[in-house]
Amino acid sequence: MRSIILDTGAIYALVMRSDKNHESARRFLQQLLKEPAILLLHEWVFVESMTLLKARGGSKVAIRAGEEMKQNPLYRWQASTPQLEQVAWGIFERFADKDWSYTDCALLALSQQTKTPEIWTYDRNLRQATLSKVVGG
């Protein structure tokens, strides 16, 4: 089964039709639905996504998207752990010259820990990472 780590930008692009990556995200999701796949959803990405969707799309949009991610078996929740945070902090320190957010570093750590090489993102900064493979657009 194919596993892909989900970034906030991918969630935003899927939900918001006005996003420049919406069509690309929609096509990529349709492709994924044709195969056995899961989207790994780190809790921090969920928090970021809900905050962003509420700020730019309103409460109804955020709640609808959040309910979908909580109920659809395509999404697998990934809670943070002390070990994951330790690896994320190491990446954050080691790559201080990059414009990666701490959440980006947590996704890279999650990629390493779960041996999931693919991250679905539209984040140009995260695309610099050679620690994983960027998919989705």
Protein backbone atom coordinates (compact mmCIF):
# COMPACT_ATOMS: atom_id res chain seq x y z
CA MET A 1 0.00 0.00 0.00
CA ARG A 2 1.31 3.41 -0.94
CA SER A 3 1.74 5.85 1.95
CA ILE A 4 2.18 9.56 1.46
CA ILE A 5 2.76 12.20 4.12
CA LEU A 6 0.38 15.11 3.74
CA ASP A 7 1.47 18.74 4.11
CA THR A 8 -0.74 21.73 4.89
CA GLY A 9 -0.41 23.17 1.38
CA ALA A 10 -1.80 19.99 -0.16
CA ILE A 11 -4.82 20.07 2.15
CA TYR A 12 -5.39 23.73 1.41
CA ALA A 13 -5.12 23.13 -2.34
CA LEU A 14 -7.62 20.27 -2.16
CA VAL A 15 -10.18 22.28 -0.22
CA MET A 16 -9.90 25.77 -1.68
CA ARG A 17 -10.96 25.97 -5.32
CA SER A 18 -9.35 29.41 -5.57
CA ASP A 19 -5.90 27.99 -4.78
CA LYS A 20 -3.55 27.92 -7.77
CA ASN A 21 -2.74 24.25 -7.07
CA HIS A 22 -6.37 23.12 -6.69
CA GLU A 23 -6.65 21.35 -10.06
CA SER A 24 -3.27 19.67 -9.65
CA ALA A 25 -4.26 18.50 -6.15
CA ARG A 26 -7.62 17.24 -7.35
CA ARG A 27 -6.02 15.26 -10.19
CA PHE A 28 -3.38 13.81 -7.87
CA LEU A 29 -6.03 12.72 -5.36
CA GLN A 30 -8.09 11.10 -8.13
CA GLN A 31 -4.98 9.18 -9.18
CA LEU A 32 -4.35 8.07 -5.59
CA LEU A 33 -7.90 6.83 -5.18
CA LYS A 34 -7.29 4.32 -7.99
CA GLU A 35 -4.71 2.47 -5.90
CA PRO A 36 -4.49 1.29 -2.32
CA ALA A 37 -3.11 4.33 -0.54
CA ILE A 38 -3.15 6.18 2.74
CA LEU A 39 -2.36 9.78 3.55
CA LEU A 40 -0.38 10.18 6.76
CA LEU A 41 -1.69 13.24 8.58
CA HIS A 42 0.63 14.56 11.27
CA GLU A 43 -1.30 16.25 14.07
CA TRP A 44 0.63 19.49 13.60
CA VAL A 45 -0.36 19.59 9.93
CA PHE A 46 -3.97 19.13 10.97
CA VAL A 47 -3.64 22.06 13.39
CA GLU A 48 -1.99 24.25 10.74
CA SER A 49 -4.60 23.29 8.16
CA MET A 50 -7.57 24.00 10.40
CA THR A 51 -6.10 27.39 11.33
CA LEU A 52 -5.38 28.32 7.71
CA LEU A 53 -8.72 27.10 6.37
CA LYS A 54 -10.66 28.94 9.06
CA ALA A 55 -8.71 32.16 8.49
CA ARG A 56 -9.09 32.10 4.71
CA GLY A 57 -12.24 30.07 4.12
CA GLY A 58 -14.25 30.45 7.29
CA SER A 59 -15.39 28.10 10.02
CA LYS A 60 -17.75 26.04 7.86
CA VAL A 61 -15.01 25.23 5.35
CA ALA A 62 -12.53 24.29 8.08
CA ILE A 63 -15.04 22.13 9.95
CA ARG A 64 -16.14 20.32 6.78
CA ALA A 65 -12.52 19.60 5.83
CA GLY A 66 -11.63 18.55 9.37
CA GLU A 67 -14.56 16.16 9.58
CA GLU A 68 -13.56 14.61 6.26
CA MET A 69 -10.01 14.03 7.46
CA LYS A 70 -11.18 12.58 10.77
CA GLN A 71 -13.76 10.23 9.24
CA ASN A 72 -12.30 9.14 5.90
CA PRO A 73 -10.13 6.00 6.21
CA LEU A 74 -7.84 7.40 3.50
CA TYR A 75 -6.31 9.61 6.22
CA ARG A 76 -4.21 8.08 8.99
CA TRP A 77 -3.56 10.31 11.99
CA GLN A 78 0.06 10.51 13.15
CA ALA A 79 0.52 11.87 16.64
CA SER A 80 3.78 13.46 17.61
CA THR A 81 6.07 11.55 19.93
CA PRO A 82 9.13 12.59 21.94
CA GLN A 83 11.28 10.56 19.54
CA LEU A 84 9.79 12.27 16.49
CA GLU A 85 10.27 15.68 18.05
CA GLN A 86 13.90 14.84 18.82
CA VAL A 87 14.53 13.93 15.16
CA ALA A 88 12.60 17.02 13.99
CA TRP A 89 14.70 19.24 16.24
CA GLY A 90 17.88 17.66 14.86
CA ILE A 91 16.74 18.42 11.30
CA PHE A 92 15.74 21.95 12.33
CA GLU A 93 19.21 22.58 13.78
CA ARG A 94 21.19 20.81 11.05
CA PHE A 95 19.42 22.64 8.22
CA ALA A 96 19.20 26.06 9.87
CA ASP A 97 20.19 27.62 6.53
CA LYS A 98 16.89 26.43 4.98
CA ASP A 99 13.57 28.24 5.27
CA TRP A 100 11.84 25.12 6.59
CA SER A 101 9.28 25.58 9.32
CA TYR A 102 9.44 23.40 12.39
CA THR A 103 6.41 21.54 11.06
CA ASP A 104 8.29 20.91 7.79
CA CYS A 105 11.10 19.39 9.84
CA ALA A 106 8.58 17.22 11.68
CA LEU A 107 7.31 15.92 8.32
CA LEU A 108 10.85 15.10 7.26
CA ALA A 109 11.37 13.32 10.59
CA LEU A 110 8.10 11.44 10.10
CA SER A 111 9.29 10.44 6.64
CA GLN A 112 12.45 8.99 8.15
CA GLN A 113 10.76 7.26 11.08
CA THR A 114 7.98 5.64 9.07
CA LYS A 115 10.17 4.98 6.03
CA THR A 116 7.63 6.89 3.95
CA PRO A 117 9.66 8.63 1.27
CA GLU A 118 6.85 10.68 -0.29
CA ILE A 119 5.53 14.00 0.98
CA TRP A 120 2.64 15.69 -0.81
CA THR A 121 3.40 19.39 -0.68
CA TYR A 122 3.32 22.53 -2.76
CA ASP A 123 5.71 24.30 -0.38
CA ARG A 124 8.62 25.56 -2.44
CA ASN A 125 10.86 25.60 0.63
CA LEU A 126 10.13 21.98 1.48
CA ARG A 127 10.79 21.04 -2.14
CA GLN A 128 14.46 21.84 -1.41
CA ALA A 129 14.68 18.81 0.86
CA THR A 130 16.57 15.86 -0.49
CA LEU A 131 15.61 13.84 2.58
CA SER A 132 12.36 12.78 0.91
CA LYS A 133 10.55 12.80 -2.43
CA VAL A 134 7.97 15.52 -3.10
CA VAL A 135 4.81 14.43 -4.94
CA GLY A 136 1.57 15.98 -6.06
CA GLY A 137 2.47 18.70 -8.46
